[in-house]
């Protein structure tokens, strides 16, 4: 269906008939279709936005551990599971399968890419630790509480640096390495894989799950992050 729509746009532009200008319904449909298209880098960067929201959840849980305040460990487990399945099992696999190899083949960022890849591995180890301690029994054990807090803080520290370097260095270089045609094809491939793994509204559903955790922890309202001036 999408292929047919793309061919429709191409043929309309080639003929120069101005069909969209004279057909309001079609024009509205065309605008909607254009807004739906997410490029490869846009896809990866909005997933970083989801990751950042979980980093804020980890910050909140770490603070509660410090202050010995209660929280539902199931909400932490849910957050770490999103990291494991969506970020590490999907997002990072896209980078490892499509982004890193193209840069290495082009002899670009050959010092940065191996570091990013090793941090992916470290992140998976930390996530396994967080999941193993995200339970009521571990929270009652001082040693395991400390290990949980250390794992979360290490994860947050590494990934804030990691994703900022990808957004500002890796992704722009990747976009320059691949041609326009391949870049467009990769955007479609990323979306196709997301739908296969998480359903048609995969990203939106993941964000919804994150919002549920934020609301349970009382950190959903953005205004609370504003400074008191």
C-alpha atoms as a PDB file:
ATOM      1  CA  UNK A   1       0.000   0.000   0.000  1.00  0.00           C
ATOM      2  CA  UNK A   2       2.778   2.437   0.942  1.00  0.00           C
ATOM      3  CA  UNK A   3       4.615   1.575  -2.275  1.00  0.00           C
ATOM      4  CA  UNK A   4       1.499   2.388  -4.287  1.00  0.00           C
ATOM      5  CA  UNK A   5       1.164   5.734  -2.511  1.00  0.00           C
ATOM      6  CA  UNK A   6       4.791   6.618  -3.212  1.00  0.00           C
ATOM      7  CA  UNK A   7       4.294   5.784  -6.889  1.00  0.00           C
ATOM      8  CA  UNK A   8       1.176   7.992  -6.877  1.00  0.00           C
ATOM      9  CA  UNK A   9       3.182  10.948  -5.579  1.00  0.00           C
ATOM     10  CA  UNK A  10       5.949  10.365  -8.122  1.00  0.00           C
ATOM     11  CA  UNK A  11       3.559  10.176 -11.076  1.00  0.00           C
ATOM     12  CA  UNK A  12       1.620  13.245  -9.917  1.00  0.00           C
ATOM     13  CA  UNK A  13       4.810  15.301  -9.598  1.00  0.00           C
ATOM     14  CA  UNK A  14       6.064  14.115 -12.984  1.00  0.00           C
ATOM     15  CA  UNK A  15       2.850  15.039 -14.787  1.00  0.00           C
ATOM     16  CA  UNK A  16       2.637  18.408 -13.096  1.00  0.00           C
ATOM     17  CA  UNK A  17      -1.136  18.324 -13.180  1.00  0.00           C
ATOM     18  CA  UNK A  18      -1.607  20.051  -9.859  1.00  0.00           C
ATOM     19  CA  UNK A  19      -4.072  17.426  -8.737  1.00  0.00           C
ATOM     20  CA  UNK A  20      -3.332  17.938  -5.045  1.00  0.00           C
ATOM     21  CA  UNK A  21      -3.938  21.655  -5.282  1.00  0.00           C
ATOM     22  CA  UNK A  22      -7.406  21.159  -6.747  1.00  0.00           C
ATOM     23  CA  UNK A  23      -8.494  18.231  -4.566  1.00  0.00           C
ATOM     24  CA  UNK A  24      -8.700  19.288  -0.895  1.00  0.00           C
ATOM     25  CA  UNK A  25      -9.381  15.754   0.341  1.00  0.00           C
ATOM     26  CA  UNK A  26      -6.339  14.372  -1.455  1.00  0.00           C
ATOM     27  CA  UNK A  27      -4.212  17.305  -0.288  1.00  0.00           C
ATOM     28  CA  UNK A  28      -5.132  16.641   3.334  1.00  0.00           C
ATOM     29  CA  UNK A  29      -4.374  12.948   2.865  1.00  0.00           C
ATOM     30  CA  UNK A  30      -0.997  13.785   1.288  1.00  0.00           C
ATOM     31  CA  UNK A  31      -0.092  16.047   4.210  1.00  0.00           C
ATOM     32  CA  UNK A  32      -1.035  13.329   6.690  1.00  0.00           C
ATOM     33  CA  UNK A  33       1.080  10.770   4.843  1.00  0.00           C
ATOM     34  CA  UNK A  34       4.062  13.125   4.767  1.00  0.00           C
ATOM     35  CA  UNK A  35       3.811  13.749   8.507  1.00  0.00           C
ATOM     36  CA  UNK A  36       3.725  10.010   9.155  1.00  0.00           C
ATOM     37  CA  UNK A  37       7.050   9.408   7.423  1.00  0.00           C
ATOM     38  CA  UNK A  38       9.865   9.212   9.971  1.00  0.00           C
ATOM     39  CA  UNK A  39      13.443   9.095   8.691  1.00  0.00           C
ATOM     40  CA  UNK A  40      16.011   6.632  10.005  1.00  0.00           C
ATOM     41  CA  UNK A  41      17.789   9.161  12.231  1.00  0.00           C
ATOM     42  CA  UNK A  42      14.529  10.720  13.459  1.00  0.00           C
ATOM     43  CA  UNK A  43      13.396   7.244  14.452  1.00  0.00           C
ATOM     44  CA  UNK A  44      16.581   6.584  16.427  1.00  0.00           C
ATOM     45  CA  UNK A  45      16.539   9.996  18.100  1.00  0.00           C
ATOM     46  CA  UNK A  46      12.931   9.801  19.282  1.00  0.00           C
ATOM     47  CA  UNK A  47      13.806   6.429  20.797  1.00  0.00           C
ATOM     48  CA  UNK A  48      16.552   8.241  22.680  1.00  0.00           C
ATOM     49  CA  UNK A  49      13.787  10.463  24.034  1.00  0.00           C
ATOM     50  CA  UNK A  50      12.048   7.372  25.431  1.00  0.00           C
ATOM     51  CA  UNK A  51      15.351   6.224  26.911  1.00  0.00           C
ATOM     52  CA  UNK A  52      15.844   9.612  28.562  1.00  0.00           C
ATOM     53  CA  UNK A  53      12.500   9.332  30.294  1.00  0.00           C
ATOM     54  CA  UNK A  54      13.541   6.015  31.806  1.00  0.00           C
ATOM     55  CA  UNK A  55      16.817   7.589  32.936  1.00  0.00           C
ATOM     56  CA  UNK A  56      14.657  10.060  34.883  1.00  0.00           C
ATOM     57  CA  UNK A  57      12.810   7.114  36.406  1.00  0.00           C
ATOM     58  CA  UNK A  58      16.139   5.594  37.458  1.00  0.00           C
ATOM     59  CA  UNK A  59      17.131   8.955  38.967  1.00  0.00           C
ATOM     60  CA  UNK A  60      13.928   9.009  41.012  1.00  0.00           C
ATOM     61  CA  UNK A  61      14.326   5.430  42.230  1.00  0.00           C
ATOM     62  CA  UNK A  62      17.966   6.084  43.177  1.00  0.00           C
ATOM     63  CA  UNK A  63      16.859   9.127  45.172  1.00  0.00           C
ATOM     64  CA  UNK A  64      14.243   7.058  46.998  1.00  0.00           C
ATOM     65  CA  UNK A  65      16.812   4.395  47.800  1.00  0.00           C
ATOM     66  CA  UNK A  66      19.059   7.109  49.289  1.00  0.00           C
ATOM     67  CA  UNK A  67      16.229   8.504  51.380  1.00  0.00           C
ATOM     68  CA  UNK A  68      14.845   5.044  52.206  1.00  0.00           C
ATOM     69  CA  UNK A  69      11.498   6.009  50.685  1.00  0.00           C
ATOM     70  CA  UNK A  70       9.189   3.296  49.389  1.00  0.00           C
ATOM     71  CA  UNK A  71       8.402   2.586  45.751  1.00  0.00           C
ATOM     72  CA  UNK A  72       6.864  -0.301  43.849  1.00  0.00           C
ATOM     73  CA  UNK A  73       9.713  -2.492  42.556  1.00  0.00           C
ATOM     74  CA  UNK A  74       7.392  -3.746  39.817  1.00  0.00           C
ATOM     75  CA  UNK A  75       7.496  -0.272  38.256  1.00  0.00           C
ATOM     76  CA  UNK A  76      11.298  -0.407  38.224  1.00  0.00           C
ATOM     77  CA  UNK A  77      11.162  -3.898  36.735  1.00  0.00           C
ATOM     78  CA  UNK A  78       8.767  -2.650  34.048  1.00  0.00           C
ATOM     79  CA  UNK A  79      11.166   0.191  33.181  1.00  0.00           C
ATOM     80  CA  UNK A  80      14.212  -2.082  33.011  1.00  0.00           C
ATOM     81  CA  UNK A  81      12.266  -4.531  30.853  1.00  0.00           C
ATOM     82  CA  UNK A  82      11.481  -1.733  28.377  1.00  0.00           C
ATOM     83  CA  UNK A  83      15.196  -0.956  28.288  1.00  0.00           C
ATOM     84  CA  UNK A  84      16.031  -4.610  27.720  1.00  0.00           C
ATOM     85  CA  UNK A  85      13.433  -5.267  25.018  1.00  0.00           C
ATOM     86  CA  UNK A  86      12.926  -1.950  23.233  1.00  0.00           C
ATOM     87  CA  UNK A  87      16.219  -0.093  23.663  1.00  0.00           C
ATOM     88  CA  UNK A  88      18.727  -2.926  23.782  1.00  0.00           C
ATOM     89  CA  UNK A  89      16.885  -5.631  21.861  1.00  0.00           C
ATOM     90  CA  UNK A  90      15.593  -3.337  19.114  1.00  0.00           C
ATOM     91  CA  UNK A  91      17.096   0.178  19.047  1.00  0.00           C
ATOM     92  CA  UNK A  92      20.695  -0.838  19.716  1.00  0.00           C
ATOM     93  CA  UNK A  93      20.395  -3.778  17.335  1.00  0.00           C
ATOM     94  CA  UNK A  94      19.439  -1.325  14.585  1.00  0.00           C
ATOM     95  CA  UNK A  95      22.596   0.636  15.314  1.00  0.00           C
ATOM     96  CA  UNK A  96      24.726  -2.509  15.398  1.00  0.00           C
ATOM     97  CA  UNK A  97      23.213  -3.996  12.238  1.00  0.00           C
ATOM     98  CA  UNK A  98      22.876  -0.897  10.057  1.00  0.00           C
ATOM     99  CA  UNK A  99      24.640   2.185  11.454  1.00  0.00           C
ATOM    100  CA  UNK A 100      27.949   0.934  12.849  1.00  0.00           C
ATOM    101  CA  UNK A 101      28.873  -1.299   9.864  1.00  0.00           C
ATOM    102  CA  UNK A 102      28.296   1.458   7.319  1.00  0.00           C
ATOM    103  CA  UNK A 103      30.501   3.898   9.200  1.00  0.00           C
ATOM    104  CA  UNK A 104      33.270   1.354   9.673  1.00  0.00           C
ATOM    105  CA  UNK A 105      33.109   0.413   5.981  1.00  0.00           C
ATOM    106  CA  UNK A 106      33.433   4.094   5.080  1.00  0.00           C
ATOM    107  CA  UNK A 107      36.358   4.431   7.517  1.00  0.00           C
ATOM    108  CA  UNK A 108      34.413   7.009   9.526  1.00  0.00           C
ATOM    109  CA  UNK A 109      34.429   7.374  13.341  1.00  0.00           C
ATOM    110  CA  UNK A 110      36.515   4.229  13.687  1.00  0.00           C
ATOM    111  CA  UNK A 111      37.539   5.251  17.221  1.00  0.00           C
ATOM    112  CA  UNK A 112      34.019   6.107  18.384  1.00  0.00           C
ATOM    113  CA  UNK A 113      32.060   3.128  17.040  1.00  0.00           C
ATOM    114  CA  UNK A 114      33.901   0.420  19.047  1.00  0.00           C
ATOM    115  CA  UNK A 115      33.408   2.443  22.248  1.00  0.00           C
ATOM    116  CA  UNK A 116      29.684   2.791  21.587  1.00  0.00           C
ATOM    117  CA  UNK A 117      29.398  -0.918  20.858  1.00  0.00           C
ATOM    118  CA  UNK A 118      31.237  -1.861  24.066  1.00  0.00           C
ATOM    119  CA  UNK A 119      28.909   0.438  26.000  1.00  0.00           C
ATOM    120  CA  UNK A 120      25.951  -1.447  24.552  1.00  0.00           C
ATOM    121  CA  UNK A 121      27.399  -4.616  26.062  1.00  0.00           C
ATOM    122  CA  UNK A 122      28.027  -2.905  29.391  1.00  0.00           C
ATOM    123  CA  UNK A 123      24.475  -1.568  29.369  1.00  0.00           C
ATOM    124  CA  UNK A 124      23.057  -5.047  28.903  1.00  0.00           C
ATOM    125  CA  UNK A 125      25.054  -6.298  31.874  1.00  0.00           C
ATOM    126  CA  UNK A 126      23.819  -3.414  34.024  1.00  0.00           C
ATOM    127  CA  UNK A 127      20.223  -4.014  32.948  1.00  0.00           C
ATOM    128  CA  UNK A 128      20.480  -7.667  33.952  1.00  0.00           C
ATOM    129  CA  UNK A 129      21.710  -6.552  37.383  1.00  0.00           C
ATOM    130  CA  UNK A 130      18.878  -4.036  37.772  1.00  0.00           C
ATOM    131  CA  UNK A 131      16.304  -6.669  36.858  1.00  0.00           C
ATOM    132  CA  UNK A 132      17.791  -9.158  39.302  1.00  0.00           C
ATOM    133  CA  UNK A 133      17.461  -6.674  42.200  1.00  0.00           C
ATOM    134  CA  UNK A 134      14.110  -5.134  41.215  1.00  0.00           C
ATOM    135  CA  UNK A 135      12.094  -7.088  43.775  1.00  0.00           C
ATOM    136  CA  UNK A 136      10.845  -6.721  47.328  1.00  0.00           C
ATOM    137  CA  UNK A 137      13.302  -9.267  48.760  1.00  0.00           C
ATOM    138  CA  UNK A 138      16.361  -7.440  47.407  1.00  0.00           C
ATOM    139  CA  UNK A 139      15.071  -4.081  48.630  1.00  0.00           C
ATOM    140  CA  UNK A 140      15.092  -5.451  52.179  1.00  0.00           C
ATOM    141  CA  UNK A 141      18.778  -6.399  51.862  1.00  0.00           C
ATOM    142  CA  UNK A 142      21.122  -3.431  52.350  1.00  0.00           C
ATOM    143  CA  UNK A 143      23.887  -4.927  50.205  1.00  0.00           C
ATOM    144  CA  UNK A 144      21.538  -5.650  47.314  1.00  0.00           C
ATOM    145  CA  UNK A 145      19.913  -2.225  47.624  1.00  0.00           C
ATOM    146  CA  UNK A 146      23.360  -0.655  47.258  1.00  0.00           C
ATOM    147  CA  UNK A 147      24.141  -2.832  44.248  1.00  0.00           C
ATOM    148  CA  UNK A 148      20.855  -1.823  42.645  1.00  0.00           C
ATOM    149  CA  UNK A 149      21.539   1.854  43.198  1.00  0.00           C
ATOM    150  CA  UNK A 150      25.088   1.541  41.857  1.00  0.00           C
ATOM    151  CA  UNK A 151      23.866  -0.290  38.737  1.00  0.00           C
ATOM    152  CA  UNK A 152      21.226   2.358  37.997  1.00  0.00           C
ATOM    153  CA  UNK A 153      23.587   5.273  38.579  1.00  0.00           C
ATOM    154  CA  UNK A 154      26.256   3.687  36.375  1.00  0.00           C
ATOM    155  CA  UNK A 155      23.663   3.091  33.666  1.00  0.00           C
ATOM    156  CA  UNK A 156      22.396   6.674  33.774  1.00  0.00           C
ATOM    157  CA  UNK A 157      25.883   8.183  33.745  1.00  0.00           C
ATOM    158  CA  UNK A 158      27.030   6.095  30.777  1.00  0.00           C
ATOM    159  CA  UNK A 159      23.896   6.454  28.676  1.00  0.00           C
ATOM    160  CA  UNK A 160      23.578  10.212  29.042  1.00  0.00           C
ATOM    161  CA  UNK A 161      27.060  10.531  27.566  1.00  0.00           C
ATOM    162  CA  UNK A 162      26.459   7.700  25.091  1.00  0.00           C
ATOM    163  CA  UNK A 163      23.275   8.999  23.510  1.00  0.00           C
ATOM    164  CA  UNK A 164      24.488  12.606  23.400  1.00  0.00           C
ATOM    165  CA  UNK A 165      27.532  11.504  21.367  1.00  0.00           C
ATOM    166  CA  UNK A 166      25.324   9.486  19.040  1.00  0.00           C
ATOM    167  CA  UNK A 167      22.900  12.368  18.492  1.00  0.00           C
ATOM    168  CA  UNK A 168      25.594  14.968  17.821  1.00  0.00           C
ATOM    169  CA  UNK A 169      28.337  12.936  16.110  1.00  0.00           C
ATOM    170  CA  UNK A 170      27.322   9.428  15.062  1.00  0.00           C
ATOM    171  CA  UNK A 171      23.947  10.054  13.449  1.00  0.00           C
ATOM    172  CA  UNK A 172      25.017  13.105  11.384  1.00  0.00           C
ATOM    173  CA  UNK A 173      28.021  11.137  10.097  1.00  0.00           C
ATOM    174  CA  UNK A 174      25.811   8.157   9.282  1.00  0.00           C
ATOM    175  CA  UNK A 175      23.422  10.341   7.298  1.00  0.00           C
ATOM    176  CA  UNK A 176      26.338  11.717   5.277  1.00  0.00           C
ATOM    177  CA  UNK A 177      27.685   8.242   4.520  1.00  0.00           C
ATOM    178  CA  UNK A 178      24.526   6.698   3.077  1.00  0.00           C
ATOM    179  CA  UNK A 179      22.868   8.021  -0.059  1.00  0.00           C
ATOM    180  CA  UNK A 180      19.369   9.489  -0.131  1.00  0.00           C
ATOM    181  CA  UNK A 181      17.836   6.334  -1.581  1.00  0.00           C
ATOM    182  CA  UNK A 182      19.372   4.017   1.009  1.00  0.00           C
ATOM    183  CA  UNK A 183      18.578   6.465   3.801  1.00  0.00           C
ATOM    184  CA  UNK A 184      14.913   6.402   2.821  1.00  0.00           C
ATOM    185  CA  UNK A 185      14.928   2.602   2.542  1.00  0.00           C
ATOM    186  CA  UNK A 186      16.499   2.263   5.985  1.00  0.00           C
ATOM    187  CA  UNK A 187      13.796   4.459   7.499  1.00  0.00           C
ATOM    188  CA  UNK A 188      11.187   2.067   6.120  1.00  0.00           C
ATOM    189  CA  UNK A 189      13.181  -0.948   7.277  1.00  0.00           C
ATOM    190  CA  UNK A 190      13.455   0.435  10.818  1.00  0.00           C
ATOM    191  CA  UNK A 191       9.698   1.055  10.906  1.00  0.00           C
ATOM    192  CA  UNK A 192       8.972  -2.403   9.540  1.00  0.00           C
ATOM    193  CA  UNK A 193      11.109  -4.067  12.212  1.00  0.00           C
ATOM    194  CA  UNK A 194       9.453  -1.981  14.933  1.00  0.00           C
ATOM    195  CA  UNK A 195       6.013  -3.095  13.774  1.00  0.00           C
ATOM    196  CA  UNK A 196       7.103  -6.723  13.643  1.00  0.00           C
ATOM    197  CA  UNK A 197       8.411  -6.661  17.202  1.00  0.00           C
ATOM    198  CA  UNK A 198       6.011  -4.269  18.942  1.00  0.00           C
ATOM    199  CA  UNK A 199       2.940  -3.916  16.747  1.00  0.00           C
ATOM    200  CA  UNK A 200       1.675  -1.130  14.486  1.00  0.00           C
ATOM    201  CA  UNK A 201       1.761   1.510  17.230  1.00  0.00           C
ATOM    202  CA  UNK A 202       4.869   0.094  18.885  1.00  0.00           C
ATOM    203  CA  UNK A 203       6.611   3.335  19.793  1.00  0.00           C
ATOM    204  CA  UNK A 204       3.406   4.969  21.034  1.00  0.00           C
ATOM    205  CA  UNK A 205       2.661   1.934  23.204  1.00  0.00           C
ATOM    206  CA  UNK A 206       6.158   2.028  24.711  1.00  0.00           C
ATOM    207  CA  UNK A 207       5.751   5.716  25.543  1.00  0.00           C
ATOM    208  CA  UNK A 208       2.392   4.917  27.124  1.00  0.00           C
ATOM    209  CA  UNK A 209       4.012   2.291  29.349  1.00  0.00           C
ATOM    210  CA  UNK A 210       6.674   4.780  30.411  1.00  0.00           C
ATOM    211  CA  UNK A 211       4.002   7.354  31.226  1.00  0.00           C
ATOM    212  CA  UNK A 212       2.251   4.818  33.461  1.00  0.00           C
ATOM    213  CA  UNK A 213       5.444   4.356  35.492  1.00  0.00           C
ATOM    214  CA  UNK A 214       5.994   8.120  35.692  1.00  0.00           C
ATOM    215  CA  UNK A 215       2.484   8.612  37.013  1.00  0.00           C
ATOM    216  CA  UNK A 216       2.901   5.844  39.585  1.00  0.00           C
ATOM    217  CA  UNK A 217       6.106   7.486  40.840  1.00  0.00           C
ATOM    218  CA  UNK A 218       4.578  10.962  40.744  1.00  0.00           C
ATOM    219  CA  UNK A 219       7.075  12.360  38.229  1.00  0.00           C
ATOM    220  CA  UNK A 220       4.832  12.656  35.153  1.00  0.00           C
ATOM    221  CA  UNK A 221       3.974  16.369  35.539  1.00  0.00           C
ATOM    222  CA  UNK A 222       6.636  18.280  33.619  1.00  0.00           C
ATOM    223  CA  UNK A 223       6.103  21.414  35.673  1.00  0.00           C
ATOM    224  CA  UNK A 224       7.789  19.847  38.677  1.00  0.00           C
ATOM    225  CA  UNK A 225      11.114  20.053  36.838  1.00  0.00           C
ATOM    226  CA  UNK A 226      10.836  23.838  36.437  1.00  0.00           C
ATOM    227  CA  UNK A 227      13.072  25.880  38.770  1.00  0.00           C
ATOM    228  CA  UNK A 228      11.505  28.041  41.450  1.00  0.00           C
ATOM    229  CA  UNK A 229      12.724  31.515  40.516  1.00  0.00           C
END
